[in-house]
Structures are given as C-alpha cells and as structure tokens.
C-alpha cells in the first residue's frame, strides 16, 4: 500500500514516526469500525415479555420439567413454537425460577485437580489479521504439567479438522484418560464418540462456566497477554509461526506459579542450585539474554566462560 501511494504524492512529507503500541492500536480501532459495519444488521428479536413470563411460571409450577418438556407443551398445547434452547436461555436468566438443581457429589474443580495428571484440556480462540480476517486457533494442553501439547490455526474449523488435531495430540505416549472441552458446535457428538474409542473420556463443561476449564482459559490469557496482543498476524502461516515461537519458551522457560514455581518441560540443568552468596552472580558464569519473538521477551541463563 505504501509503495502504491508513493506514486501519487511525496510520501516523505507525510512520513511520521509512531510507536509499535500506536500502530497496533490503529489496527484494533480499524477492526472495531469494520466489525460495526459488518454487524450493522439487527439480530433475532427477543420473544415477547408475556411469553417469557409464561415460560418462567411453567418452570416454577413444574420443577421436574426441563426445557424440552416446556417447549413441547408450548408447541402441542398452546400452538407456540419456541425451541428448547431458547427456553433454556430464559430459564438461566431467572435465578428465582425455583427449578430443582442436581447437587453434585463433588465440586468440579476438585475433580479436575484430582485427575489433572491424566487430563487434557482444549479450547478455541480467535485472532484478527491485518486484513480483518478471523483465524481460529485450537490449543491442547496437559492440565497437570500446564504443558502446551499441540496447537494449530485455520480459517474454517470443521469437525474433521478438529479430530485430526486431537489425533496428533493424543498419541500412545501419553496416558490421557479425560479430555475437557466446552459445548461449542465445533465438537459434535460424532467427534466425542471417536475420541472415546481411543479410551479417553470426554468431559463437557457446564453451560456458561468458563471456570470449569480454567487451566485452558489461563493458557489462552497468557498467550494473548504475552504474544498476540503485541503482534498483528498477516495470515495463517504467519500466525502459526508466531505461536510456535511462543510455545517453546512457554513450555521450557516461562515459570508457572501454580507449579511451585516451576517449568512444564524444563531443560537439563534446571533449576540451578542456589549460591552460598545470595546476592552475587556466580564467578565465571556471565548472564546471557536470549531474545524471544523479536525481543518481545527474553530468557536469561548462565553460560560458562570457555578456558
């Protein structure tokens, strides 16, 4: 774009110097304007207030009825066509519906912590390219070690593509027994059945409960705050290379407080034994800084001076 514009006017007169944060901020503002223009159409309207009140009263008066039963009653006895998913939406919005809730035998996070060493978790996140294309990224991690096992990016995620990613991540070397993912439509029942044929039980998180997949949510947050928020991907290959360059230091160099602190996959020689003098750099071992992601982060290590 700059080369083409240079033919129309003297670009040296219009040249300004900006920081990287300003340039990425321009990109975010441009995407906001682009998305407002793209989503200018009004979505599906809410159902009338009296019908919402009727749904809530049916749930209060009949505690054993679920959303499918209420939707069927409306369809067959009142001639009102409302999907079961819509009924569930309004039931979840009413905290005083009086519906009976099944009391679990243990807290969800207790179960996750007790099985973290044999559990994998997955989730999708999105990134926006310089041309405002949306790219989907799948990450798969070990809940026990916090290690990022596998990732990949695509512009059009499908069930077949997602199954192939799980096939590459869940091999015979890891003894996984559980896999956590949310209830997104990208995970159909056929995919879950194929995964369970490998001996891995699929655990779907409850509706509107991101804390049930908290390990993967933290991983995505770290990926955004430590990498994607500072870079603008040009396309799928560029984004894949960026995340790959971030994966290695995340597993081998980034300290995780939940591990003690510790590293998911530490290199040989780590942790370094403590020195007798607490505030003194070891003699003969200068500190070397290795840049990561073009200097966005640095990894520090001791290197022995050759004789």
C-alpha atoms as a PDB file:
ATOM      1  CA  UNK A   1       0.000   0.000   0.000  1.00  0.00           C
ATOM      2  CA  UNK A   2       2.823   2.428   0.801  1.00  0.00           C
ATOM      3  CA  UNK A   3       4.603   1.672  -2.497  1.00  0.00           C
ATOM      4  CA  UNK A   4       1.435   2.327  -4.485  1.00  0.00           C
ATOM      5  CA  UNK A   5       0.687   5.513  -2.539  1.00  0.00           C
ATOM      6  CA  UNK A   6       4.220   6.800  -3.174  1.00  0.00           C
ATOM      7  CA  UNK A   7       3.348   7.171  -6.839  1.00  0.00           C
ATOM      8  CA  UNK A   8       0.558   9.620  -6.073  1.00  0.00           C
ATOM      9  CA  UNK A   9       2.287  12.105  -3.745  1.00  0.00           C
ATOM     10  CA  UNK A  10       5.535  12.886  -1.986  1.00  0.00           C
ATOM     11  CA  UNK A  11       5.467  10.309   0.790  1.00  0.00           C
ATOM     12  CA  UNK A  12       8.455  11.846   2.601  1.00  0.00           C
ATOM     13  CA  UNK A  13       6.369  14.900   3.510  1.00  0.00           C
ATOM     14  CA  UNK A  14       3.667  12.704   5.083  1.00  0.00           C
ATOM     15  CA  UNK A  15       6.043  10.328   6.901  1.00  0.00           C
ATOM     16  CA  UNK A  16       5.620  10.243  10.679  1.00  0.00           C
ATOM     17  CA  UNK A  17       7.224   8.145  13.380  1.00  0.00           C
ATOM     18  CA  UNK A  18       4.972   6.158  15.703  1.00  0.00           C
ATOM     19  CA  UNK A  19       5.489   3.571  18.396  1.00  0.00           C
ATOM     20  CA  UNK A  20       4.512  -0.071  17.953  1.00  0.00           C
ATOM     21  CA  UNK A  21       1.715   0.324  20.538  1.00  0.00           C
ATOM     22  CA  UNK A  22       0.151   3.112  18.465  1.00  0.00           C
ATOM     23  CA  UNK A  23       0.329   1.005  15.296  1.00  0.00           C
ATOM     24  CA  UNK A  24      -1.378  -1.973  16.954  1.00  0.00           C
ATOM     25  CA  UNK A  25      -3.930   0.414  18.478  1.00  0.00           C
ATOM     26  CA  UNK A  26      -4.792   1.690  14.995  1.00  0.00           C
ATOM     27  CA  UNK A  27      -5.365  -1.897  13.919  1.00  0.00           C
ATOM     28  CA  UNK A  28      -7.746  -2.576  16.837  1.00  0.00           C
ATOM     29  CA  UNK A  29      -9.694   0.632  16.166  1.00  0.00           C
ATOM     30  CA  UNK A  30      -9.934  -0.226  12.482  1.00  0.00           C
ATOM     31  CA  UNK A  31     -11.247  -3.687  13.289  1.00  0.00           C
ATOM     32  CA  UNK A  32     -13.868  -2.210  15.629  1.00  0.00           C
ATOM     33  CA  UNK A  33     -15.118   0.043  12.839  1.00  0.00           C
ATOM     34  CA  UNK A  34     -15.029  -2.833  10.365  1.00  0.00           C
ATOM     35  CA  UNK A  35     -16.948  -5.130  12.723  1.00  0.00           C
ATOM     36  CA  UNK A  36     -19.570  -2.451  13.464  1.00  0.00           C
ATOM     37  CA  UNK A  37     -20.110  -2.072   9.732  1.00  0.00           C
ATOM     38  CA  UNK A  38     -20.256  -5.826   9.177  1.00  0.00           C
ATOM     39  CA  UNK A  39     -22.697  -6.460  12.049  1.00  0.00           C
ATOM     40  CA  UNK A  40     -24.962  -3.491  11.352  1.00  0.00           C
ATOM     41  CA  UNK A  41     -27.916  -5.799  10.862  1.00  0.00           C
ATOM     42  CA  UNK A  42     -30.121  -6.337  13.887  1.00  0.00           C
ATOM     43  CA  UNK A  43     -30.107  -9.870  15.239  1.00  0.00           C
ATOM     44  CA  UNK A  44     -33.026 -12.064  16.125  1.00  0.00           C
ATOM     45  CA  UNK A  45     -35.510 -10.138  18.307  1.00  0.00           C
ATOM     46  CA  UNK A  46     -36.345 -11.289  21.820  1.00  0.00           C
ATOM     47  CA  UNK A  47     -39.602 -13.119  22.340  1.00  0.00           C
ATOM     48  CA  UNK A  48     -42.434 -11.055  23.897  1.00  0.00           C
ATOM     49  CA  UNK A  49     -42.346 -10.314  27.601  1.00  0.00           C
ATOM     50  CA  UNK A  50     -45.621 -12.120  28.356  1.00  0.00           C
ATOM     51  CA  UNK A  51     -44.298 -15.300  26.729  1.00  0.00           C
ATOM     52  CA  UNK A  52     -41.091 -15.074  28.752  1.00  0.00           C
ATOM     53  CA  UNK A  53     -43.133 -14.747  31.925  1.00  0.00           C
ATOM     54  CA  UNK A  54     -45.214 -17.767  30.881  1.00  0.00           C
ATOM     55  CA  UNK A  55     -42.067 -19.856  30.415  1.00  0.00           C
ATOM     56  CA  UNK A  56     -40.784 -18.851  33.864  1.00  0.00           C
ATOM     57  CA  UNK A  57     -44.129 -19.584  35.516  1.00  0.00           C
ATOM     58  CA  UNK A  58     -44.263 -23.034  33.871  1.00  0.00           C
ATOM     59  CA  UNK A  59     -40.786 -23.754  35.224  1.00  0.00           C
ATOM     60  CA  UNK A  60     -41.762 -22.586  38.743  1.00  0.00           C
ATOM     61  CA  UNK A  61     -45.004 -24.536  38.800  1.00  0.00           C
ATOM     62  CA  UNK A  62     -43.458 -27.718  37.410  1.00  0.00           C
ATOM     63  CA  UNK A  63     -39.996 -28.175  38.971  1.00  0.00           C
ATOM     64  CA  UNK A  64     -39.414 -31.532  37.245  1.00  0.00           C
ATOM     65  CA  UNK A  65     -39.902 -30.155  33.740  1.00  0.00           C
ATOM     66  CA  UNK A  66     -36.872 -29.431  31.615  1.00  0.00           C
ATOM     67  CA  UNK A  67     -36.529 -27.073  28.674  1.00  0.00           C
ATOM     68  CA  UNK A  68     -37.543 -29.746  26.164  1.00  0.00           C
ATOM     69  CA  UNK A  69     -40.760 -30.522  28.075  1.00  0.00           C
ATOM     70  CA  UNK A  70     -41.697 -26.841  28.313  1.00  0.00           C
ATOM     71  CA  UNK A  71     -41.028 -26.324  24.599  1.00  0.00           C
ATOM     72  CA  UNK A  72     -43.175 -29.356  23.761  1.00  0.00           C
ATOM     73  CA  UNK A  73     -46.023 -28.117  25.976  1.00  0.00           C
ATOM     74  CA  UNK A  74     -45.971 -24.729  24.239  1.00  0.00           C
ATOM     75  CA  UNK A  75     -45.911 -26.328  20.791  1.00  0.00           C
ATOM     76  CA  UNK A  76     -48.558 -29.030  21.166  1.00  0.00           C
ATOM     77  CA  UNK A  77     -50.974 -27.477  23.664  1.00  0.00           C
ATOM     78  CA  UNK A  78     -50.693 -23.732  23.017  1.00  0.00           C
ATOM     79  CA  UNK A  79     -49.543 -23.615  19.392  1.00  0.00           C
ATOM     80  CA  UNK A  80     -46.447 -21.525  20.283  1.00  0.00           C
ATOM     81  CA  UNK A  81     -43.242 -22.620  18.590  1.00  0.00           C
ATOM     82  CA  UNK A  82     -40.201 -21.945  20.759  1.00  0.00           C
ATOM     83  CA  UNK A  83     -37.021 -24.018  20.651  1.00  0.00           C
ATOM     84  CA  UNK A  84     -35.765 -25.810  23.730  1.00  0.00           C
ATOM     85  CA  UNK A  85     -32.524 -23.830  23.565  1.00  0.00           C
ATOM     86  CA  UNK A  86     -34.462 -20.552  23.725  1.00  0.00           C
ATOM     87  CA  UNK A  87     -36.440 -21.837  26.705  1.00  0.00           C
ATOM     88  CA  UNK A  88     -33.210 -22.772  28.458  1.00  0.00           C
ATOM     89  CA  UNK A  89     -31.795 -19.303  27.807  1.00  0.00           C
ATOM     90  CA  UNK A  90     -34.632 -17.582  29.662  1.00  0.00           C
ATOM     91  CA  UNK A  91     -34.609 -20.133  32.456  1.00  0.00           C
ATOM     92  CA  UNK A  92     -30.921 -19.467  33.074  1.00  0.00           C
ATOM     93  CA  UNK A  93     -31.583 -15.746  33.174  1.00  0.00           C
ATOM     94  CA  UNK A  94     -34.073 -16.150  36.042  1.00  0.00           C
ATOM     95  CA  UNK A  95     -32.281 -17.019  39.304  1.00  0.00           C
ATOM     96  CA  UNK A  96     -35.623 -17.429  41.143  1.00  0.00           C
ATOM     97  CA  UNK A  97     -37.213 -19.945  38.811  1.00  0.00           C
ATOM     98  CA  UNK A  98     -37.482 -22.486  41.618  1.00  0.00           C
ATOM     99  CA  UNK A  99     -36.243 -25.343  39.476  1.00  0.00           C
ATOM    100  CA  UNK A 100     -34.583 -28.247  41.223  1.00  0.00           C
ATOM    101  CA  UNK A 101     -30.851 -28.436  40.708  1.00  0.00           C
ATOM    102  CA  UNK A 102     -28.957 -31.689  40.947  1.00  0.00           C
ATOM    103  CA  UNK A 103     -26.400 -31.468  43.733  1.00  0.00           C
ATOM    104  CA  UNK A 104     -23.054 -32.864  42.523  1.00  0.00           C
ATOM    105  CA  UNK A 105     -21.172 -35.337  44.655  1.00  0.00           C
ATOM    106  CA  UNK A 106     -18.062 -33.164  44.494  1.00  0.00           C
ATOM    107  CA  UNK A 107     -17.045 -29.781  43.167  1.00  0.00           C
ATOM    108  CA  UNK A 108     -15.996 -29.641  39.539  1.00  0.00           C
ATOM    109  CA  UNK A 109     -12.580 -28.154  40.306  1.00  0.00           C
ATOM    110  CA  UNK A 110     -11.980 -30.842  42.925  1.00  0.00           C
ATOM    111  CA  UNK A 111     -12.483 -33.493  40.272  1.00  0.00           C
ATOM    112  CA  UNK A 112     -10.190 -31.656  37.855  1.00  0.00           C
ATOM    113  CA  UNK A 113      -7.381 -31.300  40.425  1.00  0.00           C
ATOM    114  CA  UNK A 114      -7.598 -34.974  41.397  1.00  0.00           C
ATOM    115  CA  UNK A 115      -7.279 -36.088  37.771  1.00  0.00           C
ATOM    116  CA  UNK A 116      -5.034 -33.330  36.403  1.00  0.00           C
ATOM    117  CA  UNK A 117      -2.110 -35.648  35.652  1.00  0.00           C
ATOM    118  CA  UNK A 118      -4.188 -37.755  33.247  1.00  0.00           C
ATOM    119  CA  UNK A 119      -6.297 -34.927  31.858  1.00  0.00           C
ATOM    120  CA  UNK A 120      -6.012 -32.809  28.723  1.00  0.00           C
ATOM    121  CA  UNK A 121      -7.959 -29.615  28.005  1.00  0.00           C
ATOM    122  CA  UNK A 122      -8.725 -27.840  24.744  1.00  0.00           C
ATOM    123  CA  UNK A 123     -10.291 -24.601  23.617  1.00  0.00           C
ATOM    124  CA  UNK A 124     -10.526 -22.245  20.657  1.00  0.00           C
ATOM    125  CA  UNK A 125      -9.526 -18.603  20.436  1.00  0.00           C
ATOM    126  CA  UNK A 126      -9.618 -16.150  17.551  1.00  0.00           C
ATOM    127  CA  UNK A 127      -7.155 -13.674  16.084  1.00  0.00           C
ATOM    128  CA  UNK A 128      -7.669 -10.898  13.544  1.00  0.00           C
ATOM    129  CA  UNK A 129      -5.246 -10.487  10.656  1.00  0.00           C
ATOM    130  CA  UNK A 130      -4.077  -7.232   9.150  1.00  0.00           C
ATOM    131  CA  UNK A 131      -6.864  -7.561   6.550  1.00  0.00           C
ATOM    132  CA  UNK A 132      -9.507  -8.180   9.249  1.00  0.00           C
ATOM    133  CA  UNK A 133      -9.742 -11.917   8.563  1.00  0.00           C
ATOM    134  CA  UNK A 134     -10.699 -14.033  11.573  1.00  0.00           C
ATOM    135  CA  UNK A 135      -8.442 -17.031  12.200  1.00  0.00           C
ATOM    136  CA  UNK A 136      -9.321 -19.728  14.728  1.00  0.00           C
ATOM    137  CA  UNK A 137      -6.645 -21.283  16.922  1.00  0.00           C
ATOM    138  CA  UNK A 138      -7.023 -24.587  18.746  1.00  0.00           C
ATOM    139  CA  UNK A 139      -4.827 -25.193  21.795  1.00  0.00           C
ATOM    140  CA  UNK A 140      -4.498 -28.503  23.658  1.00  0.00           C
ATOM    141  CA  UNK A 141      -2.686 -28.660  26.992  1.00  0.00           C
ATOM    142  CA  UNK A 142      -1.933 -31.051  29.844  1.00  0.00           C
ATOM    143  CA  UNK A 143      -3.777 -29.946  32.951  1.00  0.00           C
ATOM    144  CA  UNK A 144      -1.231 -31.459  35.336  1.00  0.00           C
ATOM    145  CA  UNK A 145       2.011 -30.105  33.857  1.00  0.00           C
ATOM    146  CA  UNK A 146       0.475 -26.989  32.179  1.00  0.00           C
ATOM    147  CA  UNK A 147       2.379 -28.014  29.033  1.00  0.00           C
ATOM    148  CA  UNK A 148       1.065 -26.793  25.695  1.00  0.00           C
ATOM    149  CA  UNK A 149       0.902 -30.118  23.869  1.00  0.00           C
ATOM    150  CA  UNK A 150      -0.458 -29.087  20.486  1.00  0.00           C
ATOM    151  CA  UNK A 151      -1.838 -26.133  18.578  1.00  0.00           C
ATOM    152  CA  UNK A 152      -2.906 -25.281  15.058  1.00  0.00           C
ATOM    153  CA  UNK A 153      -4.713 -22.498  13.206  1.00  0.00           C
ATOM    154  CA  UNK A 154      -7.334 -22.444  10.456  1.00  0.00           C
ATOM    155  CA  UNK A 155      -9.790 -20.036   8.889  1.00  0.00           C
ATOM    156  CA  UNK A 156     -12.544 -22.646   8.619  1.00  0.00           C
ATOM    157  CA  UNK A 157     -12.621 -25.046  11.595  1.00  0.00           C
ATOM    158  CA  UNK A 158     -14.552 -28.245  10.963  1.00  0.00           C
ATOM    159  CA  UNK A 159     -15.189 -31.404  12.950  1.00  0.00           C
ATOM    160  CA  UNK A 160     -12.825 -33.383  10.711  1.00  0.00           C
ATOM    161  CA  UNK A 161     -10.056 -30.808  11.148  1.00  0.00           C
ATOM    162  CA  UNK A 162     -10.558 -30.738  14.924  1.00  0.00           C
ATOM    163  CA  UNK A 163     -10.476 -34.560  15.122  1.00  0.00           C
ATOM    164  CA  UNK A 164      -7.158 -34.594  13.249  1.00  0.00           C
ATOM    165  CA  UNK A 165      -5.675 -32.167  15.788  1.00  0.00           C
ATOM    166  CA  UNK A 166      -6.741 -34.426  18.661  1.00  0.00           C
ATOM    167  CA  UNK A 167      -5.316 -37.410  16.800  1.00  0.00           C
ATOM    168  CA  UNK A 168      -1.931 -35.657  16.582  1.00  0.00           C
ATOM    169  CA  UNK A 169      -2.008 -34.581  20.240  1.00  0.00           C
ATOM    170  CA  UNK A 170      -3.364 -37.715  21.932  1.00  0.00           C
ATOM    171  CA  UNK A 171      -0.893 -40.439  20.949  1.00  0.00           C
ATOM    172  CA  UNK A 172       0.141 -43.638  22.652  1.00  0.00           C
ATOM    173  CA  UNK A 173       2.961 -41.994  24.625  1.00  0.00           C
ATOM    174  CA  UNK A 174       0.568 -40.030  26.857  1.00  0.00           C
ATOM    175  CA  UNK A 175      -1.807 -41.919  29.116  1.00  0.00           C
ATOM    176  CA  UNK A 176      -4.711 -39.488  28.996  1.00  0.00           C
ATOM    177  CA  UNK A 177      -7.994 -40.616  30.486  1.00  0.00           C
ATOM    178  CA  UNK A 178     -10.043 -37.402  30.267  1.00  0.00           C
ATOM    179  CA  UNK A 179     -10.425 -34.548  27.791  1.00  0.00           C
ATOM    180  CA  UNK A 180     -12.156 -31.285  28.724  1.00  0.00           C
ATOM    181  CA  UNK A 181     -13.821 -29.026  26.184  1.00  0.00           C
ATOM    182  CA  UNK A 182     -16.809 -26.719  26.119  1.00  0.00           C
ATOM    183  CA  UNK A 183     -20.141 -27.181  24.358  1.00  0.00           C
ATOM    184  CA  UNK A 184     -19.245 -25.370  21.157  1.00  0.00           C
ATOM    185  CA  UNK A 185     -20.825 -26.719  17.976  1.00  0.00           C
ATOM    186  CA  UNK A 186     -17.377 -27.469  16.603  1.00  0.00           C
ATOM    187  CA  UNK A 187     -17.361 -30.516  18.927  1.00  0.00           C
ATOM    188  CA  UNK A 188     -20.185 -32.738  17.559  1.00  0.00           C
ATOM    189  CA  UNK A 189     -21.233 -35.978  19.180  1.00  0.00           C
ATOM    190  CA  UNK A 190     -19.544 -37.998  16.443  1.00  0.00           C
ATOM    191  CA  UNK A 191     -16.207 -36.405  17.335  1.00  0.00           C
ATOM    192  CA  UNK A 192     -16.684 -37.205  21.031  1.00  0.00           C
ATOM    193  CA  UNK A 193     -17.523 -40.816  20.214  1.00  0.00           C
ATOM    194  CA  UNK A 194     -14.379 -41.218  18.119  1.00  0.00           C
ATOM    195  CA  UNK A 195     -12.247 -39.748  20.909  1.00  0.00           C
ATOM    196  CA  UNK A 196     -13.826 -42.076  23.461  1.00  0.00           C
ATOM    197  CA  UNK A 197     -12.960 -45.020  21.185  1.00  0.00           C
ATOM    198  CA  UNK A 198      -9.317 -44.200  21.990  1.00  0.00           C
ATOM    199  CA  UNK A 199     -10.057 -44.786  25.685  1.00  0.00           C
ATOM    200  CA  UNK A 200     -10.313 -41.082  26.532  1.00  0.00           C
ATOM    201  CA  UNK A 201     -13.493 -39.927  28.262  1.00  0.00           C
ATOM    202  CA  UNK A 202     -14.821 -36.552  27.098  1.00  0.00           C
ATOM    203  CA  UNK A 203     -15.931 -34.127  29.823  1.00  0.00           C
ATOM    204  CA  UNK A 204     -18.069 -31.227  28.622  1.00  0.00           C
ATOM    205  CA  UNK A 205     -18.032 -28.121  30.778  1.00  0.00           C
ATOM    206  CA  UNK A 206     -21.373 -26.807  32.100  1.00  0.00           C
ATOM    207  CA  UNK A 207     -23.131 -24.017  30.270  1.00  0.00           C
ATOM    208  CA  UNK A 208     -21.707 -20.546  30.854  1.00  0.00           C
ATOM    209  CA  UNK A 209     -18.989 -21.895  33.157  1.00  0.00           C
ATOM    210  CA  UNK A 210     -15.552 -20.975  31.769  1.00  0.00           C
ATOM    211  CA  UNK A 211     -14.056 -21.607  35.218  1.00  0.00           C
ATOM    212  CA  UNK A 212     -14.659 -25.326  34.644  1.00  0.00           C
ATOM    213  CA  UNK A 213     -11.905 -25.179  32.015  1.00  0.00           C
ATOM    214  CA  UNK A 214      -9.801 -22.717  33.989  1.00  0.00           C
ATOM    215  CA  UNK A 215      -6.412 -24.229  33.063  1.00  0.00           C
ATOM    216  CA  UNK A 216      -7.042 -23.708  29.353  1.00  0.00           C
ATOM    217  CA  UNK A 217      -8.555 -20.271  29.973  1.00  0.00           C
ATOM    218  CA  UNK A 218      -5.354 -19.234  31.772  1.00  0.00           C
ATOM    219  CA  UNK A 219      -3.275 -20.590  28.900  1.00  0.00           C
ATOM    220  CA  UNK A 220      -5.260 -18.532  26.393  1.00  0.00           C
ATOM    221  CA  UNK A 221      -4.936 -15.463  28.609  1.00  0.00           C
ATOM    222  CA  UNK A 222      -1.163 -15.915  28.784  1.00  0.00           C
ATOM    223  CA  UNK A 223      -0.991 -16.384  25.018  1.00  0.00           C
ATOM    224  CA  UNK A 224      -2.900 -13.159  24.440  1.00  0.00           C
ATOM    225  CA  UNK A 225      -1.136 -11.011  27.052  1.00  0.00           C
ATOM    226  CA  UNK A 226       2.338 -12.300  26.272  1.00  0.00           C
ATOM    227  CA  UNK A 227       2.170 -12.606  22.492  1.00  0.00           C
ATOM    228  CA  UNK A 228      -0.932 -11.927  20.403  1.00  0.00           C
ATOM    229  CA  UNK A 229      -1.778  -8.517  21.910  1.00  0.00           C
ATOM    230  CA  UNK A 230       1.538  -7.152  20.609  1.00  0.00           C
ATOM    231  CA  UNK A 231       1.507  -8.646  17.098  1.00  0.00           C
ATOM    232  CA  UNK A 232      -0.678  -8.359  14.013  1.00  0.00           C
ATOM    233  CA  UNK A 233      -0.690 -11.638  12.042  1.00  0.00           C
ATOM    234  CA  UNK A 234      -0.504 -11.386   8.269  1.00  0.00           C
ATOM    235  CA  UNK A 235      -2.144 -14.770   7.666  1.00  0.00           C
ATOM    236  CA  UNK A 236      -2.393 -18.360   8.834  1.00  0.00           C
ATOM    237  CA  UNK A 237       1.253 -19.250   8.205  1.00  0.00           C
ATOM    238  CA  UNK A 238       2.458 -16.113   9.975  1.00  0.00           C
ATOM    239  CA  UNK A 239       0.214 -16.747  12.987  1.00  0.00           C
ATOM    240  CA  UNK A 240       1.275 -20.394  13.136  1.00  0.00           C
ATOM    241  CA  UNK A 241       4.941 -19.363  13.187  1.00  0.00           C
ATOM    242  CA  UNK A 242       4.294 -16.779  15.907  1.00  0.00           C
ATOM    243  CA  UNK A 243       2.567 -19.258  18.214  1.00  0.00           C
ATOM    244  CA  UNK A 244       5.231 -21.881  17.552  1.00  0.00           C
ATOM    245  CA  UNK A 245       7.960 -19.429  18.576  1.00  0.00           C
ATOM    246  CA  UNK A 246       5.944 -18.712  21.739  1.00  0.00           C
ATOM    247  CA  UNK A 247       5.238 -22.391  22.542  1.00  0.00           C
ATOM    248  CA  UNK A 248       8.858 -23.383  23.151  1.00  0.00           C
ATOM    249  CA  UNK A 249       9.640 -20.705  25.800  1.00  0.00           C
ATOM    250  CA  UNK A 250       6.191 -21.211  27.339  1.00  0.00           C
ATOM    251  CA  UNK A 251       6.956 -24.882  27.979  1.00  0.00           C
ATOM    252  CA  UNK A 252      10.678 -24.637  28.713  1.00  0.00           C
ATOM    253  CA  UNK A 253      11.382 -21.138  30.024  1.00  0.00           C
ATOM    254  CA  UNK A 254       8.253 -19.473  31.447  1.00  0.00           C
ATOM    255  CA  UNK A 255       7.864 -20.075  35.177  1.00  0.00           C
ATOM    256  CA  UNK A 256       4.382 -21.090  36.345  1.00  0.00           C
ATOM    257  CA  UNK A 257       3.464 -20.116  39.894  1.00  0.00           C
ATOM    258  CA  UNK A 258       0.975 -22.999  40.109  1.00  0.00           C
ATOM    259  CA  UNK A 259       3.882 -25.456  39.695  1.00  0.00           C
ATOM    260  CA  UNK A 260       5.784 -24.194  42.688  1.00  0.00           C
ATOM    261  CA  UNK A 261       7.009 -22.103  40.672  1.00  0.00           C
ATOM    262  CA  UNK A 262       8.300 -24.479  38.037  1.00  0.00           C
ATOM    263  CA  UNK A 263       8.515 -25.257  34.348  1.00  0.00           C
ATOM    264  CA  UNK A 264       6.224 -27.620  32.406  1.00  0.00           C
ATOM    265  CA  UNK A 265       9.162 -29.127  30.466  1.00  0.00           C
ATOM    266  CA  UNK A 266      12.436 -27.833  31.989  1.00  0.00           C
ATOM    267  CA  UNK A 267      15.709 -28.056  30.092  1.00  0.00           C
ATOM    268  CA  UNK A 268      18.604 -30.094  31.522  1.00  0.00           C
ATOM    269  CA  UNK A 269      20.395 -28.278  34.320  1.00  0.00           C
ATOM    270  CA  UNK A 270      17.326 -26.530  35.709  1.00  0.00           C
ATOM    271  CA  UNK A 271      16.728 -25.480  38.383  1.00  0.00           C
ATOM    272  CA  UNK A 272      20.199 -24.058  39.032  1.00  0.00           C
ATOM    273  CA  UNK A 273      21.492 -24.767  42.579  1.00  0.00           C
ATOM    274  CA  UNK A 274      21.403 -21.796  44.920  1.00  0.00           C
ATOM    275  CA  UNK A 275      24.646 -19.961  45.580  1.00  0.00           C
ATOM    276  CA  UNK A 276      26.053 -19.514  49.057  1.00  0.00           C
ATOM    277  CA  UNK A 277      26.170 -15.770  48.469  1.00  0.00           C
ATOM    278  CA  UNK A 278      22.547 -14.838  47.840  1.00  0.00           C
ATOM    279  CA  UNK A 279      23.197 -11.555  46.027  1.00  0.00           C
ATOM    280  CA  UNK A 280      26.229 -12.453  43.925  1.00  0.00           C
ATOM    281  CA  UNK A 281      26.405 -13.675  40.318  1.00  0.00           C
ATOM    282  CA  UNK A 282      28.490 -16.882  40.118  1.00  0.00           C
ATOM    283  CA  UNK A 283      32.093 -16.248  39.141  1.00  0.00           C
ATOM    284  CA  UNK A 284      32.900 -17.368  35.620  1.00  0.00           C
ATOM    285  CA  UNK A 285      29.247 -17.646  34.594  1.00  0.00           C
ATOM    286  CA  UNK A 286      28.057 -14.491  32.826  1.00  0.00           C
ATOM    287  CA  UNK A 287      24.345 -13.970  32.344  1.00  0.00           C
ATOM    288  CA  UNK A 288      23.211 -14.251  28.731  1.00  0.00           C
ATOM    289  CA  UNK A 289      19.890 -12.871  27.495  1.00  0.00           C
ATOM    290  CA  UNK A 290      18.275 -14.665  24.573  1.00  0.00           C
ATOM    291  CA  UNK A 291      15.563 -12.640  22.780  1.00  0.00           C
ATOM    292  CA  UNK A 292      12.199 -14.297  22.122  1.00  0.00           C
ATOM    293  CA  UNK A 293       9.689 -13.156  19.494  1.00  0.00           C
ATOM    294  CA  UNK A 294      12.000 -10.474  18.158  1.00  0.00           C
ATOM    295  CA  UNK A 295      12.848  -9.134  21.607  1.00  0.00           C
ATOM    296  CA  UNK A 296       9.318  -9.043  22.997  1.00  0.00           C
ATOM    297  CA  UNK A 297      10.545 -11.335  25.809  1.00  0.00           C
ATOM    298  CA  UNK A 298      13.965 -12.530  26.919  1.00  0.00           C
ATOM    299  CA  UNK A 299      15.236 -15.710  28.515  1.00  0.00           C
ATOM    300  CA  UNK A 300      18.180 -15.482  30.909  1.00  0.00           C
ATOM    301  CA  UNK A 301      20.707 -18.208  31.595  1.00  0.00           C
ATOM    302  CA  UNK A 302      24.210 -18.718  32.927  1.00  0.00           C
ATOM    303  CA  UNK A 303      26.953 -19.554  30.453  1.00  0.00           C
ATOM    304  CA  UNK A 304      30.376 -20.823  31.423  1.00  0.00           C
ATOM    305  CA  UNK A 305      33.342 -18.904  30.018  1.00  0.00           C
ATOM    306  CA  UNK A 306      35.481 -21.141  27.821  1.00  0.00           C
ATOM    307  CA  UNK A 307      39.012 -21.670  29.087  1.00  0.00           C
END
